[in-house]
Amino acid sequence: MSELELHLPREEGTQALGAALAELLPPGEGLVIYLSGQLGAGKTSLCRAFLRALGESGPVRSPTYTLMEPYEPAGRRVWHMDLYRLADPEELEFIGIRDMDASDLVLLVEWPERGRGLLPEADCEIALEHAQAGRLATLKALGPRGASLLAGLPSRLRDEADIALDKPQ
């Protein structure tokens, strides 16, 4: 499927990317986004900006200790998961992962490799890594919904000063 690489020289770029992804969500449809990267790479910042752009006005907490934080900005169901502290994927059973209806749920999953086998398939993967100047984001579409999301990003981000649409030299 399609892939997009973005250079994010400052944290504002990570926030702009999160907001743009939220703005491109089709109404009423679910979406699963996996986020990977080292500690401090910007996964939670991206999720926070995503939720704010959807209209979340309350606190947006990192789910590092709770595994999952549910939100309903503007009536949209969003689960933000952070599986960093997950010892065994079976722990996801306690939050009802197998019983969830993902048809209209937006699922943002940090450290998805720790939940292998129990998480729904991703529509899009975002890998964030520290780069010499800022961060590098590599986005991969893994299905039609992810491809549609990525297709809209370049035009949405074209005038964004904190994002470069190619790899830094």
Protein backbone atom coordinates (compact mmCIF):
# COMPACT_ATOMS: atom_id res chain seq x y z
CA MET A 1 0.00 0.00 0.00
CA SER A 2 1.06 3.63 0.16
CA GLU A 3 3.73 5.15 2.38
CA LEU A 4 4.55 8.72 3.35
CA GLU A 5 7.63 10.08 5.09
CA LEU A 6 7.55 13.40 6.94
CA HIS A 7 10.24 15.40 8.69
CA LEU A 8 8.95 17.07 11.86
CA PRO A 9 11.63 19.56 12.94
CA ARG A 10 9.71 20.67 16.05
CA GLU A 11 6.98 19.30 18.31
CA GLU A 12 4.48 21.60 16.59
CA GLY A 13 4.93 19.42 13.49
CA THR A 14 3.95 16.31 15.46
CA GLN A 15 0.89 18.17 16.74
CA ALA A 16 -0.01 19.39 13.25
CA LEU A 17 0.23 15.83 11.93
CA GLY A 18 -2.07 14.54 14.68
CA ALA A 19 -4.59 17.31 13.97
CA ALA A 20 -4.49 16.69 10.21
CA LEU A 21 -5.12 12.97 10.69
CA ALA A 22 -8.16 13.74 12.84
CA GLU A 23 -9.51 16.24 10.30
CA LEU A 24 -9.28 13.61 7.55
CA LEU A 25 -11.31 10.97 9.41
CA PRO A 26 -14.45 10.03 7.53
CA PRO A 27 -17.53 10.70 9.70
CA GLY A 28 -18.97 7.69 11.48
CA GLU A 29 -16.25 5.26 10.40
CA GLY A 30 -13.81 3.44 12.62
CA LEU A 31 -10.06 3.52 12.14
CA VAL A 32 -7.15 1.69 13.78
CA ILE A 33 -3.79 3.46 13.95
CA TYR A 34 -0.70 1.79 15.37
CA LEU A 35 2.02 4.13 16.67
CA SER A 36 5.56 2.91 17.23
CA GLY A 37 8.81 4.53 18.25
CA GLN A 38 11.17 4.92 21.16
CA LEU A 39 10.18 6.54 24.42
CA GLY A 40 9.87 10.28 23.87
CA ALA A 41 9.44 10.00 20.09
CA GLY A 42 6.11 11.87 20.17
CA LYS A 43 3.46 9.15 20.08
CA THR A 44 1.41 10.59 22.95
CA SER A 45 1.82 14.16 21.63
CA LEU A 46 0.41 13.05 18.30
CA CYS A 47 -2.53 11.31 20.01
CA ARG A 48 -3.23 14.35 22.19
CA ALA A 49 -3.31 16.65 19.14
CA PHE A 50 -5.53 14.14 17.31
CA LEU A 51 -8.05 14.15 20.17
CA ARG A 52 -7.96 17.95 20.52
CA ALA A 53 -8.66 18.33 16.79
CA LEU A 54 -11.69 16.05 17.15
CA GLY A 55 -12.96 18.39 19.87
CA GLU A 56 -11.82 16.78 23.14
CA SER A 57 -11.75 19.62 25.67
CA GLY A 58 -11.07 17.67 28.86
CA PRO A 59 -7.73 16.32 30.05
CA VAL A 60 -5.97 13.98 27.62
CA ARG A 61 -3.92 11.66 29.78
CA SER A 62 -1.25 9.23 28.72
CA PRO A 63 -2.65 5.73 29.28
CA THR A 64 0.76 4.35 30.27
CA TYR A 65 -0.54 3.01 33.59
CA THR A 66 -4.21 2.46 32.73
CA LEU A 67 -3.57 0.79 29.32
CA MET A 68 -6.59 2.56 27.82
CA GLU A 69 -8.30 5.92 28.06
CA PRO A 70 -11.71 6.26 26.36
CA TYR A 71 -12.90 9.55 24.87
CA GLU A 72 -16.04 10.71 23.08
CA PRO A 73 -15.23 14.04 21.43
CA ALA A 74 -18.25 15.31 19.50
CA GLY A 75 -19.93 11.92 19.95
CA ARG A 76 -17.05 10.02 18.31
CA ARG A 77 -15.75 6.93 20.18
CA VAL A 78 -11.96 7.02 20.54
CA TRP A 79 -9.77 4.69 22.59
CA HIS A 80 -6.19 5.73 23.23
CA MET A 81 -4.12 2.72 24.29
CA ASP A 82 -0.52 2.57 25.51
CA LEU A 83 0.71 -1.01 25.83
CA TYR A 84 4.24 -0.20 27.00
CA ARG A 85 3.69 -1.74 30.44
CA LEU A 86 1.72 -4.74 29.17
CA ALA A 87 3.39 -7.91 30.42
CA ASP A 88 1.30 -10.31 28.34
CA PRO A 89 -1.15 -9.66 25.46
CA GLU A 90 -3.77 -11.68 27.35
CA GLU A 91 -4.05 -8.74 29.78
CA LEU A 92 -6.08 -7.04 27.04
CA GLU A 93 -8.87 -9.50 27.82
CA PHE A 94 -9.55 -7.54 31.03
CA ILE A 95 -10.61 -4.49 29.02
CA GLY A 96 -12.77 -6.56 26.67
CA ILE A 97 -10.63 -6.25 23.57
CA ARG A 98 -12.18 -9.31 21.89
CA ASP A 99 -15.72 -8.05 22.47
CA MET A 100 -15.28 -4.51 21.23
CA ASP A 101 -17.25 -3.30 18.24
CA ALA A 102 -14.66 -1.53 16.13
CA SER A 103 -16.99 -0.53 13.29
CA ASP A 104 -17.19 3.10 14.45
CA LEU A 105 -14.35 3.09 17.00
CA VAL A 106 -11.15 5.05 16.42
CA LEU A 107 -8.35 3.14 18.10
CA LEU A 108 -4.94 4.78 18.66
CA VAL A 109 -2.45 2.18 19.90
CA GLU A 110 1.02 2.99 21.20
CA TRP A 111 3.42 0.01 21.44
CA PRO A 112 1.09 -2.27 19.40
CA GLU A 113 3.70 -5.04 19.15
CA ARG A 114 2.97 -5.85 22.81
CA GLY A 115 -0.65 -6.70 22.00
CA ARG A 116 -0.02 -8.90 18.97
CA GLY A 117 -2.69 -11.43 18.27
CA LEU A 118 -5.44 -9.64 20.20
CA LEU A 119 -5.55 -6.19 18.62
CA PRO A 120 -7.65 -5.48 15.55
CA GLU A 121 -5.69 -5.13 12.32
CA ALA A 122 -4.32 -1.63 11.72
CA ASP A 123 -5.52 0.60 8.90
CA CYS A 124 -2.40 2.72 9.26
CA GLU A 125 0.96 2.47 11.01
CA ILE A 126 2.92 5.51 12.11
CA ALA A 127 6.55 5.08 13.12
CA LEU A 128 8.10 8.07 14.87
CA GLU A 129 11.84 8.27 15.38
CA HIS A 130 14.33 10.81 16.56
CA ALA A 131 16.16 12.40 13.64
CA GLN A 132 19.17 14.67 13.62
CA ALA A 133 16.92 17.71 13.57
CA GLY A 134 13.56 16.84 15.13
CA ARG A 135 11.67 13.68 14.28
CA LEU A 136 10.94 11.53 11.29
CA ALA A 137 7.43 10.11 10.81
CA THR A 138 6.87 7.20 8.45
CA LEU A 139 3.22 6.49 7.74
CA LYS A 140 2.11 3.28 6.04
CA ALA A 141 -1.40 2.53 4.82
CA LEU A 142 -2.37 -1.08 5.46
CA GLY A 143 -5.83 -1.03 3.95
CA PRO A 144 -8.28 1.16 2.03
CA ARG A 145 -9.15 3.39 5.01
CA GLY A 146 -5.47 3.98 5.72
CA ALA A 147 -4.77 4.67 2.05
CA SER A 148 -7.56 7.23 1.94
CA LEU A 149 -6.19 8.90 5.05
CA LEU A 150 -2.65 9.10 3.66
CA ALA A 151 -3.85 10.31 0.27
CA GLY A 152 -5.33 13.43 1.87
CA LEU A 153 -2.32 14.31 4.02
CA PRO A 154 0.05 16.00 1.52
CA SER A 155 -2.48 18.65 0.49
CA ARG A 156 -3.55 19.15 4.11
CA LEU A 157 0.07 19.61 5.26
CA ARG A 158 1.47 21.49 2.25
CA ASP A 159 1.38 24.91 3.96
CA GLU A 160 2.40 23.59 7.39
CA ALA A 161 5.68 25.28 8.34
CA ASP A 162 6.54 22.62 10.91
CA ILE A 163 6.40 19.67 8.51
CA ALA A 164 8.58 18.78 5.52
CA LEU A 165 7.11 16.22 3.13
CA ASP A 166 10.45 14.56 2.48
CA LYS A 167 13.37 13.16 4.45
CA PRO A 168 15.87 15.75 5.77
CA GLN A 169 19.29 15.80 4.10
